[in-house]
Amino acid sequence: MGEPPVGTRQNRGLLNHDICFILRSPYNSCLKLNFLQRKWTDTVGGMAENVQGISCSSTLFLSSWSTCMPATVKLSLYIHFPFCLKKCLYCSFNSVAGINLPVDEYVATLIREMELCRENLGAHLSAHTLYFGGGTPSLISPELVGRIIDSAAGFFNLAADAEITIEANPGSVTRERLSAYRASGINRLSLGVQSFNDHFLQRLGRVHNSEQAVEAYVAAREAGFTNIGVDLINGLPGQTAQMWEYDLSMATDLRPEHLSVYGLTVEEGTPFAEMEKEGRLLLPGEEEAALMFEKTAQHLNNEGFEQYEIANFARQGYRSRHNQGYWLRDDYLGFGAGAHSFMKESGFGARWKNRDDLQEYSQSVKEGVLPWRERDFLSSREAMEERLFLGLRMLEGVSLEDFRSEFGVSVYEAYPRESASLLGNGLIEIRDGRLRIVEKKLIIANQIFMAFL
């Protein structure tokens, strides 16, 4: 979803869907890990330099990274398309709106970035998922999408059975276009519906209406898609739990394979943030928001969906393989302006970010320089924090054995007081060798996460 609304709702308590760790892509996954991010400096000859690009420093980093990686690295790929027809009022992501967009030029630059990255990585890379996010990636022509997929296959050994997802705005697709996406290699569709109520769609600034949302879904089925996800937002201005139930019913009546359900968040720098400051954005109260959260799980479970992550529900066999990689701290590479990446190396992992500015991003790539702007090398403690707050988002929780294997200590040794307190208060539990949040306590998951940070 153009999307997902991520962050912590201002003065809205600690309901789980207000959590700032809702992840869908490298782009927003790292953006919302900003409490862990530090400005990265590269020390050369004993002098620290602020990293603004990555010519020399990137070569040093990549060369040290490639020498300590295993022979084969399994990873996910993310493509960030920062263009859209109209910027939604809640959106804080790196995107620009307009009609005459330089799409062809951007795609060529993006493919060149992929080539530069592959040239600099010594390890054998094997990608098992590819995700087109944005922005509105369904503005990319199927021909260009196919070119990107072919490039990913050539540079990163994209698996024959890879999950290849594109986000689509219901107002930007037709059956013919969706059929062409299928022919290009896309096998999973994430449809950014957000609501089936036209009033709320207008309040959000979406370019489609509820009728177009249903039409887009039907067109996707007719185009041959057998794996469709629908994205919804709750906690909208003026929305009640009863209104939210209508959206859930409309969505499940369509019988998609996957549903992502996010609570609206108000991000600094967005029109919604200004409206809230001026008292013109009246959001549901905490009790109403809690009721929406409870009704979501109840309704979707009754409709045969498995809640496998706090905000994500799937029919059997249709979990998002790509998103699961973020929650499990698997390797991923992000391409495009503002995209983020994460790779494990000799330490506990490194995160980096591409330049946000389109001109700066393009100029860097044209000069043969990878467009990285920030890098963060995680300490063992930071990696433990990530492992827990990301892993605990999944209902199956964190493997205690895997945690010890990765960090050399148990969760109890690393967090003795926190673990004892959370276990004693019935907030977390151990089941089948995994540490997980007690299901009835998911609504206060944010408080539980904070104990480990």
Protein backbone atom coordinates (compact mmCIF):
# COMPACT_ATOMS: atom_id res chain seq x y z
CA MET A 1 0.00 0.00 0.00
CA GLY A 2 1.37 3.43 -0.73
CA GLU A 3 1.97 2.79 2.39
CA PRO A 4 1.71 1.21 4.95
CA PRO A 5 0.84 4.07 7.27
CA VAL A 6 3.62 3.57 9.73
CA GLY A 7 4.69 5.28 12.88
CA THR A 8 3.34 6.14 16.28
CA ARG A 9 0.07 8.00 16.47
CA GLN A 10 0.54 11.22 18.41
CA ASN A 11 -0.89 10.98 21.94
CA ARG A 12 -2.82 7.88 21.00
CA GLY A 13 -1.64 5.41 23.63
CA LEU A 14 0.15 2.18 22.88
CA LEU A 15 -2.26 0.12 20.83
CA ASN A 16 -0.41 -2.43 18.77
CA HIS A 17 -1.33 -1.02 15.38
CA ASP A 18 0.21 2.32 16.39
CA ILE A 19 3.61 0.65 16.47
CA CYS A 20 6.37 2.16 14.40
CA PHE A 21 7.68 -1.21 13.26
CA ILE A 22 5.11 -2.09 10.61
CA LEU A 23 7.24 -3.37 7.79
CA ARG A 24 6.47 -4.04 4.20
CA SER A 25 9.59 -3.07 2.31
CA PRO A 26 13.20 -2.10 2.74
CA TYR A 27 12.09 1.44 2.10
CA ASN A 28 9.89 1.85 5.14
CA SER A 29 11.38 -0.91 7.24
CA CYS A 30 14.58 1.01 7.79
CA LEU A 31 12.90 4.39 7.78
CA LYS A 32 11.01 3.35 10.88
CA LEU A 33 14.04 1.86 12.58
CA ASN A 34 15.31 5.39 13.04
CA PHE A 35 15.67 5.06 16.80
CA LEU A 36 18.52 2.66 16.03
CA GLN A 37 20.01 4.66 13.19
CA ARG A 38 23.08 6.77 13.64
CA LYS A 39 24.89 8.90 11.09
CA TRP A 40 27.53 6.55 9.77
CA THR A 41 31.13 7.74 9.51
CA ASP A 42 33.96 6.07 7.71
CA THR A 43 37.37 6.23 9.34
CA VAL A 44 40.19 6.57 6.85
CA GLY A 45 43.70 7.17 8.13
CA GLY A 46 42.35 7.84 11.59
CA MET A 47 40.06 10.64 10.40
CA ALA A 48 36.27 10.33 10.41
CA GLU A 49 34.45 11.57 7.34
CA ASN A 50 30.73 12.16 6.97
CA VAL A 51 29.52 9.85 4.28
CA GLN A 52 27.64 11.72 1.57
CA GLY A 53 28.22 9.28 -1.26
CA ILE A 54 30.05 6.03 -1.38
CA SER A 55 32.83 6.08 -3.92
CA CYS A 56 35.98 5.12 -1.96
CA SER A 57 34.22 4.25 1.29
CA SER A 58 31.75 1.99 -0.48
CA THR A 59 34.55 0.04 -2.10
CA LEU A 60 36.15 -0.51 1.31
CA PHE A 61 32.83 -1.60 2.77
CA LEU A 62 31.84 -3.90 -0.08
CA SER A 63 35.23 -5.52 -0.27
CA SER A 64 35.27 -6.26 3.47
CA TRP A 65 31.66 -7.45 3.26
CA SER A 66 32.26 -9.81 0.37
CA THR A 67 35.29 -11.49 1.96
CA CYS A 68 33.34 -12.55 5.05
CA MET A 69 30.06 -13.66 3.48
CA PRO A 70 29.18 -17.32 2.92
CA ALA A 71 29.57 -18.78 -0.56
CA THR A 72 25.87 -18.33 -1.33
CA VAL A 73 23.65 -15.58 0.05
CA LYS A 74 19.87 -15.96 -0.13
CA LEU A 75 18.18 -12.60 -0.18
CA SER A 76 15.16 -10.54 -1.17
CA LEU A 77 15.09 -7.64 -3.60
CA TYR A 78 13.05 -4.46 -3.29
CA ILE A 79 12.41 -1.94 -6.07
CA HIS A 80 11.30 1.53 -4.98
CA PHE A 81 9.28 3.49 -7.50
CA PRO A 82 8.87 6.99 -6.04
CA PHE A 83 6.25 8.33 -8.47
CA CYS A 84 2.49 8.63 -8.01
CA LEU A 85 -0.36 10.54 -9.61
CA LYS A 86 -1.29 12.25 -6.35
CA LYS A 87 0.30 12.22 -2.91
CA CYS A 88 -2.07 10.91 -0.24
CA LEU A 89 -2.66 13.17 2.74
CA TYR A 90 -1.20 10.67 5.23
CA CYS A 91 1.80 9.59 3.17
CA SER A 92 5.29 10.39 4.43
CA PHE A 93 7.21 8.12 2.07
CA ASN A 94 9.75 9.17 -0.51
CA SER A 95 7.50 9.91 -3.47
CA VAL A 96 6.68 12.69 -5.91
CA ALA A 97 3.39 13.34 -7.68
CA GLY A 98 2.81 14.48 -11.24
CA ILE A 99 1.71 13.51 -14.71
CA ASN A 100 4.87 13.90 -16.82
CA LEU A 101 7.10 11.56 -14.87
CA PRO A 102 10.56 10.44 -16.13
CA VAL A 103 9.70 6.75 -15.74
CA ASP A 104 11.83 5.35 -18.58
CA GLU A 105 14.92 7.24 -17.44
CA TYR A 106 14.37 6.23 -13.82
CA VAL A 107 14.05 2.53 -14.69
CA ALA A 108 17.25 2.66 -16.75
CA THR A 109 19.06 4.25 -13.80
CA LEU A 110 17.63 1.69 -11.42
CA ILE A 111 18.85 -1.21 -13.58
CA ARG A 112 22.28 0.40 -13.76
CA GLU A 113 22.29 0.62 -9.95
CA MET A 114 21.53 -3.10 -9.77
CA GLU A 115 24.43 -3.76 -12.12
CA LEU A 116 26.80 -1.60 -10.04
CA CYS A 117 25.78 -3.38 -6.87
CA ARG A 118 26.27 -6.81 -8.40
CA GLU A 119 29.70 -5.82 -9.74
CA ASN A 120 30.80 -4.88 -6.24
CA LEU A 121 29.47 -7.90 -4.36
CA GLY A 122 31.77 -10.90 -4.36
CA ALA A 123 29.36 -13.39 -2.88
CA HIS A 124 27.09 -15.59 -4.97
CA LEU A 125 23.64 -14.06 -4.57
CA SER A 126 20.38 -15.94 -4.91
CA ALA A 127 17.15 -13.90 -4.70
CA HIS A 128 13.92 -15.65 -3.74
CA THR A 129 11.55 -12.65 -3.66
CA LEU A 130 11.21 -9.41 -5.63
CA TYR A 131 8.90 -6.61 -4.51
CA PHE A 132 7.85 -3.48 -6.42
CA GLY A 133 6.78 -0.80 -3.94
CA GLY A 134 6.33 2.95 -3.93
CA GLY A 135 4.85 5.39 -4.70
CA THR A 136 2.60 3.75 -7.24
CA PRO A 137 4.62 1.09 -9.07
CA SER A 138 1.60 0.13 -11.17
CA LEU A 139 2.41 3.31 -13.14
CA ILE A 140 5.41 1.44 -14.59
CA SER A 141 4.57 -0.13 -17.93
CA PRO A 142 4.49 -3.94 -18.01
CA GLU A 143 7.34 -3.83 -20.53
CA LEU A 144 9.59 -1.94 -18.10
CA VAL A 145 8.53 -4.18 -15.23
CA GLY A 146 9.57 -7.16 -17.33
CA ARG A 147 12.91 -5.51 -18.01
CA ILE A 148 13.51 -5.05 -14.29
CA ILE A 149 12.56 -8.67 -13.56
CA ASP A 150 14.93 -9.89 -16.29
CA SER A 151 17.71 -7.73 -14.82
CA ALA A 152 17.07 -9.12 -11.34
CA ALA A 153 17.27 -12.63 -12.75
CA GLY A 154 20.52 -11.86 -14.52
CA PHE A 155 22.29 -9.98 -11.74
CA PHE A 156 20.92 -11.78 -8.68
CA ASN A 157 19.93 -15.29 -9.81
CA LEU A 158 16.23 -14.75 -9.18
CA ALA A 159 14.77 -18.16 -8.40
CA ALA A 160 12.38 -19.77 -10.87
CA ASP A 161 9.74 -20.00 -8.11
CA ALA A 162 10.41 -16.52 -6.73
CA GLU A 163 7.55 -14.55 -5.24
CA ILE A 164 7.31 -11.41 -7.40
CA THR A 165 4.93 -8.77 -6.06
CA ILE A 166 3.77 -5.44 -7.40
CA GLU A 167 1.73 -2.90 -5.48
CA ALA A 168 -1.17 -1.52 -7.46
CA ASN A 169 -3.49 1.42 -6.99
CA PRO A 170 -7.02 0.41 -8.02
CA GLY A 171 -7.30 3.58 -10.06
CA SER A 172 -4.23 2.82 -12.19
CA VAL A 173 -4.88 -0.70 -13.52
CA THR A 174 -7.05 -2.39 -16.12
CA ARG A 175 -7.53 -6.06 -16.95
CA GLU A 176 -5.27 -5.64 -19.99
CA ARG A 177 -2.53 -4.02 -17.94
CA LEU A 178 -2.81 -6.66 -15.22
CA SER A 179 -2.65 -9.43 -17.83
CA ALA A 180 0.52 -7.85 -19.19
CA TYR A 181 2.00 -7.74 -15.67
CA ARG A 182 1.27 -11.46 -15.33
CA ALA A 183 3.00 -12.10 -18.66
CA SER A 184 6.02 -10.06 -17.53
CA GLY A 185 6.55 -12.33 -14.51
CA ILE A 186 4.51 -10.74 -11.68
CA ASN A 187 2.78 -13.52 -9.71
CA ARG A 188 1.49 -11.65 -6.66
CA LEU A 189 -0.59 -8.47 -6.50
CA SER A 190 -0.87 -6.15 -3.51
CA LEU A 191 -3.94 -3.98 -4.04
CA GLY A 192 -3.97 -0.70 -2.10
CA VAL A 193 -7.70 -0.46 -1.42
CA GLN A 194 -7.43 1.19 2.05
CA SER A 195 -11.24 1.47 2.39
CA PHE A 196 -14.46 0.58 0.62
CA ASN A 197 -16.08 3.77 1.87
CA ASP A 198 -15.88 6.65 -0.64
CA HIS A 199 -16.02 9.26 2.11
CA PHE A 200 -12.92 7.86 3.78
CA LEU A 201 -11.11 7.41 0.48
CA GLN A 202 -11.64 11.09 -0.23
CA ARG A 203 -10.43 12.04 3.25
CA LEU A 204 -7.25 10.04 2.68
CA GLY A 205 -6.68 11.72 -0.68
CA ARG A 206 -6.87 8.49 -2.67
CA VAL A 207 -7.43 8.71 -6.43
CA HIS A 208 -9.83 5.75 -6.64
CA ASN A 209 -13.32 5.06 -5.32
CA SER A 210 -14.85 1.91 -3.85
CA GLU A 211 -16.35 0.80 -7.15
CA GLN A 212 -12.95 1.00 -8.83
CA ALA A 213 -11.45 -1.03 -5.98
CA VAL A 214 -13.87 -3.90 -6.60
CA GLU A 215 -13.42 -3.61 -10.37
CA ALA A 216 -9.63 -3.77 -10.01
CA TYR A 217 -9.89 -6.91 -7.89
CA VAL A 218 -12.22 -8.60 -10.39
CA ALA A 219 -9.92 -7.56 -13.24
CA ALA A 220 -6.95 -9.09 -11.42
CA ARG A 221 -8.76 -12.42 -11.14
CA GLU A 222 -9.71 -12.27 -14.79
CA ALA A 223 -6.07 -11.54 -15.61
CA GLY A 224 -5.09 -14.80 -13.94
CA PHE A 225 -3.78 -13.67 -10.56
CA THR A 226 -4.17 -16.43 -7.97
CA ASN A 227 -2.32 -14.62 -5.18
CA ILE A 228 -3.88 -11.26 -4.33
CA GLY A 229 -3.40 -9.20 -1.19
CA VAL A 230 -5.71 -6.38 -0.15
CA ASP A 231 -4.46 -3.52 2.05
CA LEU A 232 -6.81 -1.72 4.43
CA ILE A 233 -6.44 1.13 6.93
CA ASN A 234 -8.51 1.61 10.07
CA GLY A 235 -8.66 4.33 12.70
CA LEU A 236 -9.69 6.87 10.05
CA PRO A 237 -11.10 10.31 10.97
CA GLY A 238 -14.72 9.82 11.99
CA GLN A 239 -14.60 6.03 11.60
CA THR A 240 -16.43 3.77 14.04
CA ALA A 241 -15.90 0.07 14.72
CA GLN A 242 -19.16 -0.66 12.87
CA MET A 243 -17.91 1.21 9.80
CA TRP A 244 -14.67 -0.73 10.00
CA GLU A 245 -16.57 -4.01 10.07
CA TYR A 246 -18.14 -3.02 6.76
CA ASP A 247 -14.68 -2.64 5.19
CA LEU A 248 -13.63 -6.03 6.56
CA SER A 249 -16.78 -7.67 5.21
CA MET A 250 -16.32 -6.12 1.78
CA ALA A 251 -12.72 -7.30 1.69
CA THR A 252 -13.42 -10.88 2.77
CA ASP A 253 -16.37 -11.15 0.38
CA LEU A 254 -13.85 -10.75 -2.43
CA ARG A 255 -11.91 -13.75 -1.04
CA PRO A 256 -8.33 -12.52 -1.42
CA GLU A 257 -5.43 -14.71 -0.33
CA HIS A 258 -3.91 -12.06 1.94
CA LEU A 259 -5.00 -9.04 3.97
CA SER A 260 -2.75 -6.36 5.48
CA VAL A 261 -4.54 -4.22 8.05
CA TYR A 262 -2.86 -1.10 9.40
CA GLY A 263 -3.97 1.58 11.81
CA LEU A 264 -3.76 5.11 10.46
CA THR A 265 -0.72 6.94 11.74
CA VAL A 266 -0.04 10.64 11.60
CA GLU A 267 3.49 11.40 10.39
CA GLU A 268 5.31 14.68 10.73
CA GLY A 269 5.49 16.66 7.53
CA THR A 270 2.22 15.34 6.11
CA PRO A 271 -1.01 17.29 5.54
CA PHE A 272 -2.65 15.09 8.16
CA ALA A 273 -0.07 16.22 10.73
CA GLU A 274 -0.91 19.86 10.04
CA MET A 275 -4.62 19.13 10.21
CA GLU A 276 -4.19 17.40 13.55
CA LYS A 277 -2.24 20.33 14.99
CA GLU A 278 -5.02 22.65 13.88
CA GLY A 279 -7.68 20.43 15.44
CA ARG A 280 -9.18 19.49 12.06
CA LEU A 281 -8.36 15.77 12.24
CA LEU A 282 -10.58 14.01 14.75
CA LEU A 283 -9.39 10.42 15.08
CA PRO A 284 -11.24 7.62 16.88
CA GLY A 285 -10.63 7.37 20.60
CA GLU A 286 -8.43 4.68 22.09
CA GLU A 287 -11.35 2.47 23.12
CA GLU A 288 -12.83 2.62 19.62
CA ALA A 289 -9.43 1.86 18.08
CA ALA A 290 -9.00 -1.10 20.43
CA LEU A 291 -12.41 -2.41 19.41
CA MET A 292 -11.40 -2.18 15.73
CA PHE A 293 -8.26 -4.19 16.47
CA GLU A 294 -10.23 -6.90 18.26
CA LYS A 295 -12.89 -7.07 15.54
CA THR A 296 -10.20 -7.42 12.88
CA ALA A 297 -8.71 -10.61 14.31
CA GLN A 298 -12.13 -12.02 15.18
CA HIS A 299 -13.64 -11.38 11.75
CA LEU A 300 -10.67 -12.57 9.72
CA ASN A 301 -10.13 -15.69 11.81
CA ASN A 302 -13.79 -16.57 11.32
CA GLU A 303 -13.29 -16.15 7.56
CA GLY A 304 -10.44 -18.66 7.48
CA PHE A 305 -7.47 -16.29 7.62
CA GLU A 306 -4.41 -17.03 9.75
CA GLN A 307 -3.03 -14.06 11.65
CA TYR A 308 0.67 -14.70 11.24
CA GLU A 309 1.87 -11.19 12.09
CA ILE A 310 0.27 -8.38 14.05
CA ALA A 311 -1.04 -6.59 10.96
CA ASN A 312 -1.05 -9.42 8.41
CA PHE A 313 -3.48 -12.25 7.72
CA ALA A 314 -3.25 -14.98 5.10
CA ARG A 315 -5.00 -18.06 3.87
CA GLN A 316 -3.00 -21.25 4.28
CA GLY A 317 0.11 -21.19 2.10
CA TYR A 318 -0.20 -17.50 1.17
CA ARG A 319 1.92 -15.64 3.70
CA SER A 320 4.00 -12.84 2.22
CA ARG A 321 7.40 -14.48 1.80
CA HIS A 322 8.97 -11.10 1.14
CA ASN A 323 7.67 -9.41 4.29
CA GLN A 324 8.56 -12.39 6.45
CA GLY A 325 12.17 -11.77 5.49
CA TYR A 326 12.09 -8.37 7.22
CA TRP A 327 10.67 -9.77 10.44
CA LEU A 328 13.27 -12.55 10.44
CA ARG A 329 16.18 -10.16 9.71
CA ASP A 330 17.00 -11.88 6.43
CA ASP A 331 19.20 -10.17 3.85
CA TYR A 332 17.66 -7.79 1.35
CA LEU A 333 18.86 -5.28 -1.21
CA GLY A 334 16.81 -2.19 -2.07
CA PHE A 335 17.13 -0.29 -5.34
CA GLY A 336 15.83 3.13 -6.28
CA ALA A 337 15.72 6.57 -4.67
CA GLY A 338 15.32 6.28 -0.90
CA ALA A 339 15.44 2.47 -0.82
CA HIS A 340 17.02 0.68 2.15
CA SER A 341 19.09 -2.48 2.39
CA PHE A 342 20.23 -4.88 5.08
CA MET A 343 22.95 -7.51 4.89
CA LYS A 344 24.51 -9.64 7.58
CA GLU A 345 28.30 -9.66 7.52
CA SER A 346 31.14 -10.38 9.93
CA GLY A 347 29.37 -8.47 12.67
CA PHE A 348 25.63 -8.36 13.32
CA GLY A 349 24.46 -6.75 10.12
CA ALA A 350 24.63 -3.46 8.27
CA ARG A 351 21.81 -1.24 7.07
CA TRP A 352 22.18 1.43 4.45
CA LYS A 353 19.98 3.86 2.60
CA ASN A 354 19.99 5.32 -0.90
CA ARG A 355 19.78 9.02 -1.55
CA ASP A 356 16.21 10.35 -1.41
CA ASP A 357 16.64 13.14 -3.92
CA LEU A 358 15.94 11.90 -7.44
CA GLN A 359 18.54 14.11 -9.09
CA GLU A 360 21.26 13.19 -6.62
CA TYR A 361 20.35 9.52 -6.87
CA SER A 362 20.46 9.53 -10.68
CA GLN A 363 23.66 11.57 -10.88
CA SER A 364 25.46 9.23 -8.50
CA VAL A 365 24.52 6.16 -10.50
CA LYS A 366 25.43 7.84 -13.80
CA GLU A 367 28.88 8.52 -12.37
CA GLY A 368 29.25 4.83 -11.53
CA VAL A 369 28.93 5.41 -7.79
CA LEU A 370 26.46 3.50 -5.66
CA PRO A 371 23.99 6.06 -4.25
CA TRP A 372 24.24 5.14 -0.58
CA ARG A 373 23.81 8.00 1.85
CA GLU A 374 23.66 6.40 5.29
CA ARG A 375 25.03 3.18 6.69
CA ASP A 376 24.56 1.71 10.12
CA PHE A 377 26.67 -1.14 11.43
CA LEU A 378 24.72 -2.81 14.21
CA SER A 379 26.21 -3.79 17.53
CA SER A 380 25.27 -7.13 19.06
CA ARG A 381 22.87 -5.35 21.42
CA GLU A 382 21.13 -3.51 18.60
CA ALA A 383 20.86 -6.72 16.60
CA MET A 384 19.29 -8.45 19.61
CA GLU A 385 16.77 -5.64 19.93
CA GLU A 386 15.85 -5.95 16.27
CA ARG A 387 15.64 -9.72 16.49
CA LEU A 388 13.15 -9.46 19.35
CA PHE A 389 10.89 -6.58 18.35
CA LEU A 390 10.72 -7.75 14.75
CA GLY A 391 10.40 -11.44 15.56
CA LEU A 392 7.77 -10.86 18.23
CA ARG A 393 5.58 -9.17 15.64
CA MET A 394 5.04 -12.65 14.25
CA LEU A 395 2.57 -14.71 16.23
CA GLU A 396 4.89 -17.72 16.24
CA GLY A 397 7.50 -15.54 17.95
CA VAL A 398 11.26 -15.97 18.22
CA SER A 399 13.11 -19.29 18.30
CA LEU A 400 15.08 -19.44 21.56
CA GLU A 401 17.58 -21.82 19.98
CA ASP A 402 18.15 -19.54 16.98
CA PHE A 403 18.61 -16.53 19.26
CA ARG A 404 21.31 -18.30 21.27
CA SER A 405 22.97 -19.58 18.11
CA GLU A 406 23.13 -16.08 16.60
CA PHE A 407 24.19 -14.11 19.66
CA GLY A 408 25.93 -16.63 21.93
CA VAL A 409 23.60 -15.93 24.85
CA SER A 410 20.02 -16.83 25.66
CA VAL A 411 17.20 -14.28 25.74
CA TYR A 412 17.11 -14.71 29.53
CA GLU A 413 20.83 -13.98 29.85
CA ALA A 414 20.60 -10.93 27.61
CA TYR A 415 17.40 -9.60 29.21
CA PRO A 416 17.06 -11.25 32.65
CA ARG A 417 14.82 -8.69 34.37
CA GLU A 418 12.76 -7.90 31.29
CA SER A 419 12.10 -11.55 30.52
CA ALA A 420 11.18 -12.38 34.10
CA SER A 421 8.81 -9.42 34.36
CA LEU A 422 7.05 -10.06 31.04
CA LEU A 423 6.72 -13.78 31.70
CA GLY A 424 5.56 -13.20 35.27
CA ASN A 425 2.90 -10.74 34.17
CA GLY A 426 1.57 -13.11 31.52
CA LEU A 427 2.51 -10.86 28.59
CA ILE A 428 4.83 -13.30 26.83
CA GLU A 429 5.03 -17.09 26.90
CA ILE A 430 7.23 -19.95 25.76
CA ARG A 431 5.61 -22.46 23.44
CA ASP A 432 7.40 -25.15 21.44
CA GLY A 433 10.78 -23.56 22.08
CA ARG A 434 9.67 -20.12 20.92
CA LEU A 435 9.20 -16.88 22.81
CA ARG A 436 5.96 -15.21 21.73
CA ILE A 437 3.48 -12.59 22.84
CA VAL A 438 0.40 -14.02 24.50
CA GLU A 439 -2.27 -13.66 21.82
CA LYS A 440 -4.68 -11.69 24.01
CA LYS A 441 -1.87 -9.21 24.73
CA LEU A 442 -1.09 -8.36 21.10
CA ILE A 443 -3.09 -5.17 21.52
CA ILE A 444 -0.36 -3.83 23.83
CA ALA A 445 2.53 -5.23 21.82
CA ASN A 446 4.19 -1.82 21.64
CA GLN A 447 4.65 -1.79 25.42
CA ILE A 448 6.13 -5.27 25.28
CA PHE A 449 8.57 -4.29 22.53
CA MET A 450 9.73 -1.27 24.52
CA ALA A 451 10.89 -3.54 27.33
CA PHE A 452 13.62 -4.86 25.04
CA LEU A 453 14.78 -1.47 23.69
